[in-house]
Amino acid sequence: MRVVLIVCMYLFAMAPGGVAAKYVSPLAAWSDKWSDPKYQVCNTAANARYMTEAEREIIHILNLVRMNPKLFCNTVLKNGTSISEFIDPSSEEYYQTLVTTLSTMEPLPLLQPDSLCMVSARCHAKTSGKKGYVGHNRQSDQCRKNKHFMGECCNYGSDKPLEIILLLLQDKDIPDLGHRKICLGNYSKIGVAIESHKTYSFNAVMDFY
């Protein structure tokens, strides 16, 4: 199973010696346009060390999608099959509706990392992974206690940030497109956890608030 107008001021990260460090975009391979320093503001989780590099990259990429959905559609999504074998351009109901959504929507506010959302996501990802569970119901009293989200996305089978985002946005075989609506929804905070999974090798949980 495989699931699920902003006006910005930005600052250059400073390298030793006071020289502005070049912005490195996780989407630079798909277009030089993503290397524009204005997109550095999307890396809101850069200093959220309570998450792994891959988890922080998921937030970075999702913020890039939210800041410029049309550019993402025209550069990354059109090359989706080279990123994941599970991206299906022939699916009118899912891939084509995603093309329509991204090419017509306005930019969205950026998501900020949140430690409470991360604790919620981490607990669920760990317990789900150990039990081989698929779904959103908390599997332990501790996870029910730590539950903190208004929207949640779970993906199974990948630990690659861009593939996870693409699969959740395509949302194939999810009729109500719930994961896509959450990723592109009216939220301001996010926590991400990627853990091993007994059945699907990996599971990623993204909790939004």
N, C-alpha and C. Protein backbone atom coordinates (compact mmCIF):
# COMPACT_ATOMS: atom_id res chain seq x y z
N MET A 1 0.85 -1.19 0.00
CA MET A 1 0.00 0.00 0.00
C MET A 1 0.88 1.24 0.00
N ARG A 2 0.61 2.17 -0.93
CA ARG A 2 1.38 3.40 -0.99
C ARG A 2 0.42 4.59 -0.88
N VAL A 3 0.49 5.32 0.20
CA VAL A 3 -0.30 6.48 0.33
C VAL A 3 0.60 7.71 0.56
N VAL A 4 -0.06 9.20 0.36
CA VAL A 4 -0.90 10.03 0.64
C VAL A 4 -0.57 11.30 -0.01
N LEU A 5 -1.65 35.00 -1.60
CA LEU A 5 -0.40 35.58 -2.07
C LEU A 5 0.53 35.77 -0.87
N ILE A 6 1.74 35.05 -0.97
CA ILE A 6 2.71 35.21 0.09
C ILE A 6 3.74 36.27 -0.33
N VAL A 7 3.96 37.27 0.53
CA VAL A 7 5.05 38.22 0.30
C VAL A 7 6.08 37.93 1.36
N CYS A 8 7.25 37.54 0.95
CA CYS A 8 8.25 37.05 1.90
C CYS A 8 9.49 37.93 1.91
N MET A 9 10.02 38.13 3.10
CA MET A 9 11.35 38.69 3.25
C MET A 9 12.28 37.54 3.61
N TYR A 10 13.47 37.54 3.08
CA TYR A 10 14.38 36.45 3.39
C TYR A 10 15.76 36.98 3.73
N LEU A 11 16.51 36.17 4.45
CA LEU A 11 17.87 36.51 4.83
C LEU A 11 18.82 35.48 4.28
N PHE A 12 19.97 35.90 3.84
CA PHE A 12 20.99 34.97 3.40
C PHE A 12 21.65 34.33 4.61
N ALA A 13 21.86 33.03 4.53
CA ALA A 13 22.64 32.36 5.57
C ALA A 13 24.09 32.80 5.41
N MET A 14 24.70 33.10 6.49
CA MET A 14 26.06 33.63 6.42
C MET A 14 27.08 32.53 6.64
N ALA A 15 28.03 32.43 5.75
CA ALA A 15 29.12 31.49 5.88
C ALA A 15 30.23 32.15 6.69
N PRO A 16 31.21 31.37 7.16
CA PRO A 16 32.34 31.97 7.89
C PRO A 16 32.97 33.09 7.08
N GLY A 17 33.30 34.17 7.75
CA GLY A 17 33.89 35.31 7.07
C GLY A 17 32.86 36.32 6.62
N GLY A 18 31.59 36.06 6.92
CA GLY A 18 30.56 37.02 6.59
C GLY A 18 30.07 36.96 5.16
N VAL A 19 30.48 35.91 4.41
CA VAL A 19 30.05 35.76 3.03
C VAL A 19 28.73 35.01 2.98
N ALA A 20 27.77 35.48 2.21
CA ALA A 20 26.48 34.82 2.12
C ALA A 20 26.63 33.44 1.50
N ALA A 21 26.13 32.43 2.20
CA ALA A 21 26.20 31.06 1.68
C ALA A 21 25.17 30.89 0.58
N LYS A 22 25.53 30.12 -0.44
CA LYS A 22 24.62 29.88 -1.54
C LYS A 22 23.48 28.97 -1.10
N TYR A 23 22.28 29.34 -1.48
CA TYR A 23 21.11 28.54 -1.14
C TYR A 23 21.12 27.25 -1.95
N VAL A 24 20.96 26.11 -1.26
CA VAL A 24 20.92 24.81 -1.92
C VAL A 24 19.50 24.27 -1.80
N SER A 25 18.79 24.24 -2.91
CA SER A 25 17.41 23.79 -2.91
C SER A 25 17.33 22.28 -3.14
N PRO A 26 16.45 21.59 -2.42
CA PRO A 26 16.28 20.15 -2.66
C PRO A 26 15.63 19.84 -4.01
N LEU A 27 15.16 20.88 -4.69
CA LEU A 27 14.53 20.70 -6.00
C LEU A 27 15.38 21.24 -7.14
N ALA A 28 16.62 21.61 -6.85
CA ALA A 28 17.48 22.23 -7.86
C ALA A 28 17.72 21.34 -9.06
N ALA A 29 17.69 20.02 -8.87
CA ALA A 29 17.94 19.11 -9.99
C ALA A 29 16.86 19.19 -11.05
N TRP A 30 15.71 19.72 -10.70
CA TRP A 30 14.58 19.73 -11.63
C TRP A 30 14.42 21.07 -12.34
N SER A 31 15.07 22.11 -11.82
CA SER A 31 15.07 23.41 -12.50
C SER A 31 15.98 24.36 -11.74
N ASP A 32 16.77 25.15 -12.49
CA ASP A 32 17.63 26.16 -11.87
C ASP A 32 16.81 27.22 -11.15
N LYS A 33 15.55 27.36 -11.54
CA LYS A 33 14.70 28.38 -10.90
C LYS A 33 14.54 28.14 -9.41
N TRP A 34 14.63 26.87 -8.99
CA TRP A 34 14.48 26.57 -7.56
C TRP A 34 15.67 27.03 -6.74
N SER A 35 16.76 27.40 -7.40
CA SER A 35 17.95 27.86 -6.68
C SER A 35 17.91 29.34 -6.36
N ASP A 36 16.86 30.02 -6.77
CA ASP A 36 16.69 31.43 -6.44
C ASP A 36 16.71 31.59 -4.92
N PRO A 37 17.54 32.49 -4.38
CA PRO A 37 17.63 32.66 -2.92
C PRO A 37 16.31 33.00 -2.23
N LYS A 38 15.32 33.48 -3.00
CA LYS A 38 14.04 33.81 -2.36
C LYS A 38 13.36 32.57 -1.76
N TYR A 39 13.75 31.38 -2.25
CA TYR A 39 13.14 30.14 -1.75
C TYR A 39 13.77 29.64 -0.45
N GLN A 40 14.85 30.30 -0.03
CA GLN A 40 15.49 29.90 1.23
C GLN A 40 14.52 30.01 2.40
N VAL A 41 13.58 30.92 2.31
CA VAL A 41 12.61 31.11 3.37
C VAL A 41 11.76 29.86 3.60
N CYS A 42 11.71 28.98 2.60
CA CYS A 42 10.92 27.75 2.72
C CYS A 42 11.58 26.73 3.66
N ASN A 43 12.84 26.90 3.94
CA ASN A 43 13.56 25.96 4.80
C ASN A 43 13.32 26.31 6.27
N THR A 44 12.06 26.32 6.67
CA THR A 44 11.70 26.77 8.01
C THR A 44 12.19 25.83 9.10
N ALA A 45 12.46 24.58 8.76
CA ALA A 45 12.87 23.59 9.76
C ALA A 45 14.39 23.42 9.84
N ALA A 46 15.14 24.34 9.23
CA ALA A 46 16.60 24.19 9.16
C ALA A 46 17.22 23.98 10.53
N ASN A 47 16.70 24.64 11.55
CA ASN A 47 17.28 24.55 12.89
C ASN A 47 16.48 23.66 13.84
N ALA A 48 15.52 22.94 13.31
CA ALA A 48 14.69 22.04 14.14
C ALA A 48 15.42 20.71 14.29
N ARG A 49 16.42 20.67 15.13
CA ARG A 49 17.30 19.51 15.25
C ARG A 49 16.64 18.33 15.93
N TYR A 50 15.43 18.49 16.41
CA TYR A 50 14.69 17.36 16.98
C TYR A 50 14.12 16.46 15.88
N MET A 51 14.30 16.86 14.63
CA MET A 51 13.94 16.03 13.49
C MET A 51 15.19 15.70 12.69
N THR A 52 15.16 14.59 11.95
CA THR A 52 16.30 14.19 11.14
C THR A 52 16.39 15.07 9.89
N GLU A 53 17.50 14.95 9.18
CA GLU A 53 17.69 15.72 7.96
C GLU A 53 16.59 15.42 6.94
N ALA A 54 16.23 14.15 6.79
CA ALA A 54 15.17 13.78 5.84
C ALA A 54 13.83 14.33 6.26
N GLU A 55 13.56 14.33 7.55
CA GLU A 55 12.29 14.86 8.05
C GLU A 55 12.20 16.37 7.83
N ARG A 56 13.32 17.05 8.06
CA ARG A 56 13.35 18.50 7.82
C ARG A 56 13.20 18.79 6.33
N GLU A 57 13.77 17.91 5.49
CA GLU A 57 13.67 18.11 4.05
C GLU A 57 12.23 17.97 3.56
N ILE A 58 11.46 17.09 4.17
CA ILE A 58 10.04 16.97 3.81
C ILE A 58 9.34 18.31 4.00
N ILE A 59 9.61 18.98 5.11
CA ILE A 59 9.00 20.29 5.37
C ILE A 59 9.48 21.31 4.36
N HIS A 60 10.77 21.29 4.06
CA HIS A 60 11.36 22.21 3.08
C HIS A 60 10.66 22.05 1.72
N ILE A 61 10.56 20.80 1.26
CA ILE A 61 9.94 20.55 -0.05
C ILE A 61 8.47 20.94 -0.05
N LEU A 62 7.75 20.56 0.99
CA LEU A 62 6.33 20.89 1.02
C LEU A 62 6.12 22.40 1.03
N ASN A 63 6.99 23.13 1.71
CA ASN A 63 6.90 24.59 1.68
C ASN A 63 7.19 25.15 0.29
N LEU A 64 8.11 24.54 -0.43
CA LEU A 64 8.37 24.97 -1.81
C LEU A 64 7.14 24.76 -2.67
N VAL A 65 6.48 23.63 -2.49
CA VAL A 65 5.23 23.38 -3.23
C VAL A 65 4.21 24.45 -2.89
N ARG A 66 4.07 24.76 -1.62
CA ARG A 66 3.07 25.72 -1.18
C ARG A 66 3.40 27.15 -1.64
N MET A 67 4.68 27.48 -1.71
CA MET A 67 5.08 28.82 -2.13
C MET A 67 4.92 29.03 -3.63
N ASN A 68 5.23 27.99 -4.42
CA ASN A 68 5.12 28.13 -5.88
C ASN A 68 4.57 26.83 -6.48
N PRO A 69 3.28 26.56 -6.30
CA PRO A 69 2.70 25.31 -6.81
C PRO A 69 2.80 25.17 -8.33
N LYS A 70 2.71 26.26 -9.05
CA LYS A 70 2.77 26.20 -10.52
C LYS A 70 4.15 25.76 -10.98
N LEU A 71 5.21 26.30 -10.37
CA LEU A 71 6.57 25.90 -10.74
C LEU A 71 6.81 24.44 -10.39
N PHE A 72 6.31 24.00 -9.26
CA PHE A 72 6.44 22.60 -8.89
C PHE A 72 5.75 21.70 -9.92
N CYS A 73 4.58 22.10 -10.35
CA CYS A 73 3.83 21.34 -11.34
C CYS A 73 4.61 21.24 -12.65
N ASN A 74 5.18 22.35 -13.08
CA ASN A 74 5.83 22.41 -14.39
C ASN A 74 7.24 21.83 -14.41
N THR A 75 7.87 21.69 -13.25
CA THR A 75 9.25 21.21 -13.23
C THR A 75 9.40 19.84 -12.58
N VAL A 76 8.80 19.65 -11.42
CA VAL A 76 8.96 18.40 -10.67
C VAL A 76 7.89 17.39 -11.03
N LEU A 77 6.64 17.78 -10.96
CA LEU A 77 5.56 16.82 -11.17
C LEU A 77 5.62 16.19 -12.55
N LYS A 78 5.97 16.97 -13.56
CA LYS A 78 6.00 16.41 -14.92
C LYS A 78 7.09 15.34 -15.06
N ASN A 79 8.04 15.33 -14.13
CA ASN A 79 9.10 14.31 -14.13
C ASN A 79 8.88 13.28 -13.02
N GLY A 80 7.65 13.20 -12.56
CA GLY A 80 7.35 12.35 -11.41
C GLY A 80 7.69 10.89 -11.59
N THR A 81 7.54 10.37 -12.80
CA THR A 81 7.82 8.94 -13.02
C THR A 81 9.29 8.60 -12.84
N SER A 82 10.18 9.59 -13.00
CA SER A 82 11.60 9.33 -12.78
C SER A 82 11.97 9.44 -11.30
N ILE A 83 11.04 9.97 -10.50
CA ILE A 83 11.26 10.10 -9.07
C ILE A 83 10.67 8.91 -8.32
N SER A 84 9.53 8.43 -8.80
CA SER A 84 8.88 7.28 -8.17
C SER A 84 8.12 6.47 -9.20
N GLU A 85 8.29 5.17 -9.14
CA GLU A 85 7.56 4.28 -10.06
C GLU A 85 6.06 4.28 -9.76
N PHE A 86 5.67 4.83 -8.64
CA PHE A 86 4.27 4.82 -8.25
C PHE A 86 3.53 6.10 -8.64
N ILE A 87 4.23 7.03 -9.28
CA ILE A 87 3.58 8.22 -9.83
C ILE A 87 3.02 7.84 -11.19
N ASP A 88 1.72 8.00 -11.35
CA ASP A 88 1.03 7.46 -12.53
C ASP A 88 0.37 8.56 -13.36
N PRO A 89 1.04 9.07 -14.40
CA PRO A 89 0.47 10.12 -15.25
C PRO A 89 -0.77 9.68 -16.02
N SER A 90 -0.98 8.37 -16.13
CA SER A 90 -2.14 7.88 -16.89
C SER A 90 -3.42 7.91 -16.07
N SER A 91 -3.31 8.19 -14.79
CA SER A 91 -4.48 8.19 -13.92
C SER A 91 -5.18 9.54 -13.99
N GLU A 92 -6.23 9.62 -14.76
CA GLU A 92 -6.98 10.87 -14.93
C GLU A 92 -7.51 11.38 -13.59
N GLU A 93 -7.95 10.45 -12.76
CA GLU A 93 -8.62 10.83 -11.51
C GLU A 93 -7.67 11.41 -10.48
N TYR A 94 -6.43 11.00 -10.53
CA TYR A 94 -5.50 11.41 -9.48
C TYR A 94 -4.37 12.31 -10.00
N TYR A 95 -3.55 11.81 -10.89
CA TYR A 95 -2.45 12.61 -11.41
C TYR A 95 -2.95 13.86 -12.12
N GLN A 96 -3.91 13.70 -13.01
CA GLN A 96 -4.39 14.84 -13.79
C GLN A 96 -5.11 15.87 -12.93
N THR A 97 -5.83 15.42 -11.91
CA THR A 97 -6.46 16.41 -11.03
C THR A 97 -5.41 17.15 -10.21
N LEU A 98 -4.28 16.48 -9.91
CA LEU A 98 -3.20 17.16 -9.20
C LEU A 98 -2.57 18.23 -10.09
N VAL A 99 -2.39 17.91 -11.37
CA VAL A 99 -1.89 18.90 -12.31
C VAL A 99 -2.80 20.12 -12.33
N THR A 100 -4.09 19.89 -12.39
CA THR A 100 -5.06 20.99 -12.41
C THR A 100 -4.98 21.80 -11.13
N THR A 101 -4.92 21.11 -10.00
CA THR A 101 -4.87 21.80 -8.71
C THR A 101 -3.64 22.68 -8.59
N LEU A 102 -2.47 22.13 -8.87
CA LEU A 102 -1.22 22.88 -8.69
C LEU A 102 -1.08 24.02 -9.71
N SER A 103 -1.60 23.82 -10.90
CA SER A 103 -1.43 24.83 -11.95
C SER A 103 -2.42 25.99 -11.81
N THR A 104 -3.42 25.83 -10.97
CA THR A 104 -4.45 26.88 -10.84
C THR A 104 -4.52 27.51 -9.45
N MET A 105 -3.91 26.88 -8.44
CA MET A 105 -4.05 27.39 -7.08
C MET A 105 -3.10 28.55 -6.80
N GLU A 106 -3.45 29.34 -5.80
CA GLU A 106 -2.60 30.44 -5.36
C GLU A 106 -1.62 29.91 -4.31
N PRO A 107 -0.50 30.62 -4.11
CA PRO A 107 0.45 30.22 -3.08
C PRO A 107 -0.20 30.18 -1.70
N LEU A 108 0.39 29.36 -0.83
CA LEU A 108 -0.12 29.18 0.53
C LEU A 108 0.92 29.63 1.55
N PRO A 109 0.49 29.96 2.76
CA PRO A 109 1.46 30.30 3.82
C PRO A 109 2.40 29.13 4.10
N LEU A 110 3.59 29.45 4.54
CA LEU A 110 4.58 28.42 4.84
C LEU A 110 4.28 27.75 6.17
N LEU A 111 4.65 26.48 6.25
CA LEU A 111 4.49 25.70 7.47
C LEU A 111 5.72 25.87 8.36
N GLN A 112 5.47 25.99 9.66
CA GLN A 112 6.55 26.11 10.62
C GLN A 112 6.70 24.81 11.41
N PRO A 113 7.92 24.39 11.71
CA PRO A 113 8.12 23.15 12.47
C PRO A 113 7.58 23.31 13.89
N ASP A 114 7.02 22.23 14.41
CA ASP A 114 6.43 22.27 15.74
C ASP A 114 6.82 21.00 16.50
N SER A 115 7.40 21.15 17.68
CA SER A 115 7.90 20.00 18.43
C SER A 115 6.78 19.11 18.95
N LEU A 116 5.63 19.70 19.31
CA LEU A 116 4.51 18.90 19.80
C LEU A 116 3.95 18.03 18.68
N CYS A 117 3.86 18.59 17.49
CA CYS A 117 3.42 17.81 16.33
C CYS A 117 4.41 16.70 16.03
N MET A 118 5.71 17.00 16.18
CA MET A 118 6.72 15.99 15.92
C MET A 118 6.63 14.84 16.92
N VAL A 119 6.44 15.16 18.21
CA VAL A 119 6.32 14.12 19.24
C VAL A 119 5.12 13.22 18.93
N SER A 120 4.03 13.85 18.52
CA SER A 120 2.83 13.10 18.14
C SER A 120 3.11 12.18 16.96
N ALA A 121 3.77 12.72 15.94
CA ALA A 121 4.08 11.93 14.74
C ALA A 121 5.09 10.83 15.04
N ARG A 122 6.10 11.14 15.86
CA ARG A 122 7.16 10.17 16.16
C ARG A 122 6.59 8.96 16.90
N CYS A 123 5.75 9.22 17.89
CA CYS A 123 5.19 8.11 18.66
C CYS A 123 4.35 7.20 17.76
N HIS A 124 3.54 7.80 16.90
CA HIS A 124 2.69 7.00 16.03
C HIS A 124 3.51 6.22 15.01
N ALA A 125 4.54 6.86 14.46
CA ALA A 125 5.38 6.18 13.46
C ALA A 125 6.13 5.00 14.10
N LYS A 126 6.63 5.19 15.30
CA LYS A 126 7.38 4.11 15.96
C LYS A 126 6.48 2.93 16.31
N THR A 127 5.34 3.21 16.93
CA THR A 127 4.46 2.11 17.34
C THR A 127 3.84 1.42 16.13
N SER A 128 3.47 2.21 15.11
CA SER A 128 2.93 1.62 13.88
C SER A 128 3.96 0.72 13.22
N GLY A 129 5.20 1.18 13.19
CA GLY A 129 6.26 0.41 12.57
C GLY A 129 6.51 -0.91 13.26
N LYS A 130 6.54 -0.88 14.58
CA LYS A 130 6.80 -2.10 15.35
C LYS A 130 5.69 -3.13 15.18
N LYS A 131 4.44 -2.65 15.08
CA LYS A 131 3.30 -3.56 14.98
C LYS A 131 2.91 -3.88 13.54
N GLY A 132 3.49 -3.15 12.59
CA GLY A 132 3.10 -3.33 11.20
C GLY A 132 1.73 -2.75 10.93
N TYR A 133 1.33 -1.76 11.73
CA TYR A 133 0.00 -1.16 11.63
C TYR A 133 -0.05 -0.13 10.51
N VAL A 134 -1.21 -0.04 9.86
CA VAL A 134 -1.48 0.98 8.83
C VAL A 134 -2.75 1.72 9.23
N GLY A 135 -2.65 3.04 9.39
CA GLY A 135 -3.83 3.81 9.76
C GLY A 135 -3.47 4.91 10.74
N HIS A 136 -4.52 5.56 11.26
CA HIS A 136 -4.33 6.74 12.10
C HIS A 136 -4.65 6.53 13.57
N ASN A 137 -5.22 5.39 13.93
CA ASN A 137 -5.55 5.13 15.33
C ASN A 137 -4.28 4.90 16.14
N ARG A 138 -4.15 5.60 17.25
CA ARG A 138 -2.98 5.44 18.11
C ARG A 138 -2.98 4.06 18.74
N GLN A 139 -1.79 3.44 18.76
CA GLN A 139 -1.65 2.06 19.18
C GLN A 139 -1.13 1.90 20.61
N SER A 140 -1.01 2.99 21.34
CA SER A 140 -0.56 2.90 22.73
C SER A 140 -1.15 4.06 23.52
N ASP A 141 -1.21 3.87 24.83
CA ASP A 141 -1.71 4.94 25.70
C ASP A 141 -0.82 6.17 25.61
N GLN A 142 0.50 5.95 25.52
CA GLN A 142 1.43 7.07 25.42
C GLN A 142 1.18 7.87 24.15
N CYS A 143 0.94 7.19 23.03
CA CYS A 143 0.69 7.88 21.77
C CYS A 143 -0.65 8.62 21.80
N ARG A 144 -1.62 8.04 22.48
CA ARG A 144 -2.90 8.74 22.61
C ARG A 144 -2.72 10.00 23.46
N LYS A 145 -1.87 9.91 24.46
CA LYS A 145 -1.59 11.07 25.31
C LYS A 145 -0.84 12.15 24.54
N ASN A 146 0.07 11.74 23.66
CA ASN A 146 0.89 12.69 22.90
C ASN A 146 0.22 13.18 21.62
N LYS A 147 -0.95 12.69 21.32
CA LYS A 147 -1.64 13.04 20.07
C LYS A 147 -1.84 14.55 19.97
N HIS A 148 -1.34 15.13 18.88
CA HIS A 148 -1.41 16.59 18.73
C HIS A 148 -1.43 16.94 17.24
N PHE A 149 -2.59 16.97 16.65
CA PHE A 149 -2.71 17.36 15.24
C PHE A 149 -4.16 17.66 14.90
N MET A 150 -4.33 18.47 13.85
CA MET A 150 -5.64 18.74 13.27
C MET A 150 -5.79 18.03 11.93
N GLY A 151 -4.67 17.63 11.35
CA GLY A 151 -4.66 16.86 10.11
C GLY A 151 -3.44 15.97 10.12
N GLU A 152 -3.57 14.77 9.57
CA GLU A 152 -2.44 13.84 9.59
C GLU A 152 -2.33 13.08 8.27
N CYS A 153 -1.10 12.93 7.80
CA CYS A 153 -0.81 12.13 6.61
C CYS A 153 0.17 11.02 6.97
N CYS A 154 -0.11 9.82 6.50
CA CYS A 154 0.80 8.69 6.70
C CYS A 154 1.14 8.08 5.35
N ASN A 155 2.42 7.81 5.17
CA ASN A 155 2.89 7.17 3.94
C ASN A 155 3.67 5.92 4.31
N TYR A 156 3.52 4.88 3.50
CA TYR A 156 4.17 3.60 3.80
C TYR A 156 5.04 3.16 2.63
N GLY A 157 6.28 2.78 2.92
CA GLY A 157 7.13 2.18 1.91
C GLY A 157 8.28 3.02 1.43
N SER A 158 8.36 4.28 1.83
CA SER A 158 9.45 5.13 1.34
C SER A 158 10.04 5.95 2.47
N ASP A 159 11.34 6.21 2.38
CA ASP A 159 12.00 7.14 3.29
C ASP A 159 12.61 8.31 2.53
N LYS A 160 12.21 8.48 1.27
CA LYS A 160 12.75 9.54 0.42
C LYS A 160 11.79 10.74 0.44
N PRO A 161 12.24 11.90 0.91
CA PRO A 161 11.35 13.05 1.10
C PRO A 161 10.54 13.45 -0.12
N LEU A 162 11.17 13.58 -1.29
CA LEU A 162 10.43 14.02 -2.46
C LEU A 162 9.41 12.98 -2.90
N GLU A 163 9.77 11.71 -2.84
CA GLU A 163 8.83 10.66 -3.22
C GLU A 163 7.63 10.66 -2.27
N ILE A 164 7.88 10.82 -0.99
CA ILE A 164 6.79 10.86 0.00
C ILE A 164 5.82 11.99 -0.32
N ILE A 165 6.36 13.17 -0.60
CA ILE A 165 5.50 14.32 -0.92
C ILE A 165 4.70 14.07 -2.19
N LEU A 166 5.34 13.55 -3.22
CA LEU A 166 4.64 13.29 -4.48
C LEU A 166 3.52 12.27 -4.31
N LEU A 167 3.78 11.21 -3.56
CA LEU A 167 2.76 10.19 -3.36
C LEU A 167 1.57 10.72 -2.58
N LEU A 168 1.84 11.53 -1.58
CA LEU A 168 0.74 12.10 -0.79
C LEU A 168 -0.06 13.10 -1.61
N LEU A 169 0.62 13.86 -2.45
CA LEU A 169 -0.09 14.83 -3.30
C LEU A 169 -0.90 14.13 -4.38
N GLN A 170 -0.34 13.09 -5.01
CA GLN A 170 -1.11 12.36 -6.01
C GLN A 170 -2.32 11.68 -5.35
N ASP A 171 -2.08 11.06 -4.19
CA ASP A 171 -3.16 10.46 -3.39
C ASP A 171 -3.95 9.42 -4.19
N LYS A 172 -3.25 8.62 -4.96
CA LYS A 172 -3.90 7.62 -5.79
C LYS A 172 -4.69 6.62 -4.95
N ASP A 173 -5.88 6.33 -5.41
CA ASP A 173 -6.80 5.38 -4.78
C ASP A 173 -7.38 5.89 -3.47
N ILE A 174 -7.24 7.18 -3.20
CA ILE A 174 -7.90 7.82 -2.05
C ILE A 174 -8.96 8.76 -2.62
N PRO A 175 -10.20 8.31 -2.73
CA PRO A 175 -11.24 9.07 -3.44
C PRO A 175 -11.45 10.50 -2.94
N ASP A 176 -11.34 10.71 -1.63
CA ASP A 176 -11.60 12.07 -1.13
C ASP A 176 -10.35 12.96 -1.16
N LEU A 177 -9.23 12.41 -1.65
CA LEU A 177 -7.98 13.16 -1.77
C LEU A 177 -7.59 13.80 -0.43
N GLY A 178 -7.82 13.07 0.65
CA GLY A 178 -7.59 13.62 1.98
C GLY A 178 -6.16 14.05 2.24
N HIS A 179 -5.17 13.28 1.78
CA HIS A 179 -3.77 13.64 2.02
C HIS A 179 -3.40 14.90 1.25
N ARG A 180 -3.86 14.99 0.01
CA ARG A 180 -3.57 16.18 -0.81
C ARG A 180 -4.18 17.43 -0.16
N LYS A 181 -5.40 17.30 0.31
CA LYS A 181 -6.08 18.45 0.92
C LYS A 181 -5.38 18.90 2.19
N ILE A 182 -4.83 17.94 2.94
CA ILE A 182 -4.11 18.30 4.16
C ILE A 182 -2.78 18.98 3.81
N CYS A 183 -2.01 18.39 2.90
CA CYS A 183 -0.72 18.96 2.52
C CYS A 183 -0.86 20.37 1.97
N LEU A 184 -1.97 20.62 1.30
CA LEU A 184 -2.22 21.94 0.70
C LEU A 184 -3.31 22.68 1.46
N GLY A 185 -3.44 22.36 2.75
CA GLY A 185 -4.52 22.90 3.55
C GLY A 185 -4.13 24.12 4.37
N ASN A 186 -5.09 24.59 5.13
CA ASN A 186 -4.94 25.81 5.92
C ASN A 186 -4.36 25.48 7.30
N TYR A 187 -3.10 25.07 7.29
CA TYR A 187 -2.40 24.76 8.54
C TYR A 187 -1.18 25.67 8.65
N SER A 188 -0.65 25.80 9.86
CA SER A 188 0.51 26.67 10.06
C SER A 188 1.70 25.93 10.68
N LYS A 189 1.45 24.75 11.28
CA LYS A 189 2.52 24.02 11.96
C LYS A 189 2.57 22.58 11.47
N ILE A 190 3.76 21.98 11.59
CA ILE A 190 3.93 20.60 11.13
C ILE A 190 5.05 19.92 11.91
N GLY A 191 4.85 18.63 12.15
CA GLY A 191 5.90 17.78 12.70
C GLY A 191 5.98 16.52 11.86
N VAL A 192 7.17 16.02 11.60
CA VAL A 192 7.38 14.88 10.71
C VAL A 192 8.22 13.81 11.41
N ALA A 193 7.87 12.56 11.16
CA ALA A 193 8.67 11.44 11.68
C ALA A 193 8.73 10.34 10.63
N ILE A 194 9.92 9.85 10.36
CA ILE A 194 10.12 8.69 9.49
C ILE A 194 10.73 7.57 10.34
N GLU A 195 10.09 6.42 10.36
CA GLU A 195 10.57 5.30 11.15
C GLU A 195 10.48 4.01 10.31
N SER A 196 11.16 3.00 10.75
CA SER A 196 11.08 1.70 10.08
C SER A 196 9.70 1.10 10.28
N HIS A 197 9.29 0.20 9.38
CA HIS A 197 7.97 -0.42 9.45
C HIS A 197 8.09 -1.91 9.21
N LYS A 198 7.45 -2.68 10.06
CA LYS A 198 7.54 -4.14 10.03
C LYS A 198 7.13 -4.73 8.69
N THR A 199 6.13 -4.15 8.04
CA THR A 199 5.60 -4.68 6.79
C THR A 199 6.12 -3.95 5.57
N TYR A 200 6.19 -2.62 5.64
CA TYR A 200 6.50 -1.82 4.45
C TYR A 200 7.88 -1.17 4.49
N SER A 201 8.75 -1.62 5.36
CA SER A 201 10.13 -1.10 5.50
C SER A 201 10.18 0.26 6.18
N PHE A 202 9.38 1.20 5.68
CA PHE A 202 9.37 2.55 6.27
C PHE A 202 7.92 3.05 6.39
N ASN A 203 7.73 3.93 7.38
CA ASN A 203 6.49 4.71 7.40
C ASN A 203 6.82 6.13 7.84
N ALA A 204 6.16 7.08 7.17
CA ALA A 204 6.35 8.50 7.49
C ALA A 204 5.02 9.06 7.96
N VAL A 205 5.07 9.79 9.07
CA VAL A 205 3.88 10.42 9.62
C VAL A 205 4.10 11.92 9.65
N MET A 206 3.13 12.67 9.14
CA MET A 206 3.19 14.13 9.13
C MET A 206 1.96 14.64 9.86
N ASP A 207 2.17 15.31 10.99
CA ASP A 207 1.08 15.87 11.78
C ASP A 207 1.03 17.38 11.61
N PHE A 208 -0.15 17.88 11.27
CA PHE A 208 -0.36 19.30 10.98
C PHE A 208 -1.25 19.94 12.04
N TYR A 209 -1.00 21.22 12.30
CA TYR A 209 -1.83 21.96 13.26
C TYR A 209 -2.04 23.39 12.76
